[in-house]
Protein backbone atom coordinates (compact mmCIF):
# COMPACT_ATOMS: atom_id res chain seq x y z
CA MET A 1 -4.12 20.62 27.21
CA HIS A 2 -5.08 24.20 27.47
CA SER A 3 -1.05 25.23 27.56
CA PHE A 4 -0.30 23.40 24.12
CA ILE A 5 -3.24 23.36 21.95
CA THR A 6 -5.53 25.73 23.02
CA VAL A 7 -3.18 29.40 23.46
CA ARG A 8 -1.66 28.04 19.99
CA LEU A 9 -5.05 27.91 18.85
CA ASP A 10 -5.45 31.13 19.82
CA TYR A 11 -3.00 32.45 19.24
CA CYS A 12 -3.50 35.26 16.39
CA CYS A 13 -6.91 33.21 15.81
CA SER A 14 -7.88 36.08 13.78
CA LEU A 15 -5.79 35.54 10.75
CA TYR A 16 -8.38 32.02 10.29
CA VAL A 17 -11.39 34.22 9.72
CA GLY A 18 -12.62 33.51 6.07
CA PHE A 19 -10.51 30.14 5.59
CA PRO A 20 -11.37 27.77 2.94
CA ALA A 21 -12.80 24.67 5.10
CA CYS A 22 -10.14 22.24 4.31
CA ARG A 23 -7.91 24.60 6.56
CA SER A 24 -10.38 25.51 9.19
CA GLY A 25 -10.98 21.81 9.36
CA CYS A 26 -7.52 20.50 10.17
CA LEU A 27 -7.67 22.95 13.32
CA ASN A 28 -10.96 21.41 13.87
CA ARG A 29 -9.71 17.67 14.08
CA VAL A 30 -6.92 18.90 16.45
CA LEU A 31 -9.09 21.03 18.26
CA ARG A 32 -11.67 17.57 18.71
CA SER A 33 -8.80 15.22 19.21
CA ALA A 34 -7.34 17.20 22.82
CA ALA A 35 -11.32 16.84 23.34
CA ARG A 36 -11.66 13.19 23.37
CA LEU A 37 -7.57 13.39 25.11
CA CYS A 38 -9.46 15.08 28.10
CA GLY A 39 -12.30 13.30 28.43
CA ARG A 40 -10.55 9.61 27.68
CA ILE A 41 -13.88 9.20 24.75
CA PRO A 42 -12.91 6.33 22.08
CA LYS A 43 -11.86 7.36 17.94
CA PHE A 44 -15.14 7.12 16.73
CA GLY A 45 -17.43 8.64 20.24
CA HIS A 46 -19.37 11.58 20.02
CA VAL A 47 -17.14 15.08 21.37
CA SER A 48 -19.25 17.62 20.63
CA ALA A 49 -21.77 17.53 23.34
CA TYR A 50 -18.73 16.61 25.73
CA MET A 51 -16.92 19.92 24.15
CA LEU A 52 -19.31 21.81 25.20
CA ASP A 53 -21.62 20.53 28.72
CA VAL A 54 -18.16 19.63 30.23
CA LEU A 55 -14.83 21.37 29.11
CA HIS A 56 -17.58 24.54 27.81
CA TRP A 57 -15.42 24.84 24.89
CA LEU A 58 -16.86 26.76 21.74
CA PRO A 59 -16.23 25.05 18.25
CA LEU A 60 -13.67 26.66 15.92
CA LEU A 61 -15.49 29.10 14.50
CA GLN A 62 -17.51 30.46 16.90
CA ARG A 63 -13.80 30.60 19.47
CA ILE A 64 -12.66 32.38 16.08
CA SER A 65 -15.78 35.56 16.25
CA TYR A 66 -15.14 34.93 20.49
CA ARG A 67 -12.06 36.40 20.30
CA ILE A 68 -12.49 38.94 17.26
CA ILE A 69 -15.70 40.67 19.04
CA ALA A 70 -13.49 40.64 22.61
CA LEU A 71 -11.22 42.54 20.58
CA VAL A 72 -14.14 44.96 18.91
CA TRP A 73 -15.04 45.20 22.99
CA ARG A 74 -11.82 45.94 23.35
CA SER A 75 -11.91 48.92 21.33
CA LEU A 76 -15.28 50.02 22.35
CA LEU A 77 -13.85 50.25 26.08
CA GLY A 78 -10.76 52.68 24.72
CA LEU A 79 -8.78 49.51 26.41
CA ALA A 80 -6.99 47.96 22.45
CA PRO A 81 -4.60 50.08 20.39
CA ALA A 82 -4.83 53.08 19.16
CA TYR A 83 -4.57 51.34 15.78
CA LEU A 84 -7.84 48.78 16.43
CA ARG A 85 -9.62 51.46 18.19
CA ASP A 86 -9.44 54.20 14.91
CA LEU A 87 -11.20 50.50 12.97
CA CYS A 88 -14.00 50.36 15.04
CA CYS A 89 -15.97 53.79 15.44
CA PRO A 90 -19.65 53.99 16.19
CA THR A 91 -22.44 55.06 13.41
CA SER A 92 -22.90 57.81 15.94
CA SER A 93 -19.76 59.40 15.58
CA ALA A 94 -19.91 58.97 12.17
CA GLN A 95 -19.72 62.60 10.37
CA GLY A 96 -21.85 63.58 8.13
CA ARG A 97 -24.31 61.28 10.09
CA ARG A 98 -27.39 62.51 11.54
CA SER A 99 -29.82 60.97 14.18
CA LEU A 100 -30.76 57.82 12.48
CA ARG A 101 -31.86 54.87 14.53
CA SER A 102 -28.86 52.76 14.16
CA THR A 103 -27.15 55.37 16.40
CA GLU A 104 -29.18 53.78 19.38
CA ARG A 105 -28.48 50.14 18.51
CA GLY A 106 -24.76 50.31 19.14
CA VAL A 107 -24.25 49.35 15.43
CA LEU A 108 -20.70 49.77 14.32
CA MET A 109 -19.48 51.13 10.94
CA VAL A 110 -18.64 48.25 8.69
CA PRO A 111 -16.27 49.75 5.49
CA PHE A 112 -16.78 48.66 1.78
CA ALA A 113 -15.07 45.76 0.93
CA ARG A 114 -14.81 44.73 -2.50
CA THR A 115 -15.20 41.62 -3.88
CA ALA A 116 -10.99 40.49 -2.61
CA THR A 117 -10.65 37.71 -0.26
CA LYS A 118 -7.65 39.84 1.84
CA GLN A 119 -10.35 42.81 2.04
CA ASN A 120 -13.68 41.03 3.25
CA ARG A 121 -11.48 39.03 6.14
CA ALA A 122 -9.67 42.20 7.85
CA PHE A 123 -10.13 42.86 10.61
CA SER A 124 -12.15 46.81 10.12
CA VAL A 125 -14.85 44.70 8.03
CA VAL A 126 -14.55 41.65 9.58
CA GLY A 127 -14.78 43.19 13.13
CA PRO A 128 -17.64 45.52 13.07
CA SER A 129 -19.51 42.47 11.02
CA LEU A 130 -19.46 40.42 13.57
CA TRP A 131 -20.41 43.03 16.45
CA ASN A 132 -23.41 43.86 14.50
CA GLY A 133 -24.95 40.60 14.16
CA LEU A 134 -24.54 40.25 18.32
CA PRO A 135 -28.55 40.43 19.80
CA LEU A 136 -28.89 44.38 20.94
CA ALA A 137 -28.70 43.45 24.30
CA LEU A 138 -25.33 42.89 23.99
CA ARG A 139 -24.04 45.52 22.11
CA LEU A 140 -25.85 47.46 24.10
CA HIS A 141 -24.32 46.21 27.37
CA PRO A 142 -22.45 49.09 30.01
CA ARG A 143 -19.41 49.99 28.78
CA ILE A 144 -17.67 49.58 31.90
CA HIS A 145 -15.00 46.25 32.37
CA SER A 146 -16.48 43.13 33.66
CA GLU A 147 -16.74 39.60 33.40
CA SER A 148 -20.34 40.07 32.28
CA PHE A 149 -19.67 40.98 29.43
CA TYR A 150 -17.68 37.93 28.04
CA SER A 151 -19.85 35.40 29.79
CA CYS A 152 -23.04 36.84 28.12
CA LEU A 153 -21.19 36.22 24.85
CA LYS A 154 -20.08 33.11 25.81
CA THR A 155 -23.68 31.89 25.90
CA VAL A 156 -24.84 33.80 22.78
CA LEU A 157 -21.70 31.74 20.55
CA PHE A 158 -23.13 28.85 22.65
CA SER A 159 -26.07 28.92 21.77
CA ARG A 160 -25.18 29.52 17.72
CA ALA A 161 -23.10 27.03 17.76
CA GLY A 162 -26.11 24.63 17.74
CA VAL A 163 -24.75 21.27 19.40
CA GLY A 164 -25.16 20.03 23.09
CA SER A 165 -26.90 22.16 25.42
CA ALA A 166 -25.73 25.76 26.23
CA PRO A 167 -24.49 26.21 30.38
CA GLU A 168 -26.80 28.84 31.91
């Protein structure tokens, strides 16, 4: 399942941000059908708890958020390409800003976007917005490359999924 389905869902998943519900519903059905096949769950059986508890798969919207936040994290570490690093700038590095409380909270600058859908779906808006929505402890996580950030992020997104029980 992983090599055929989930990899294809994860590929360029940042493009799925802001999809209409009918389009994201189709992708979510593919993910849920793959989980049914893995767990041999009948057609009308509940698959959400199995996805979270056994497979440790995030639902589609949280999966997209995970990938985008991981890109932001890599850009903050300096591991992403320069064009992505330029889009994720902390408020403390902004010129003309004096010392504000937001500089101590790990908040990123979100550029102004008009109401156009394409501008609200851009990585420059979505990435910092999702980052700023994370809990403070996760935003202030030590800036070293380790797997602990990703496991903490996944735990936060599992708790936001609201279905089944979150792994510990």
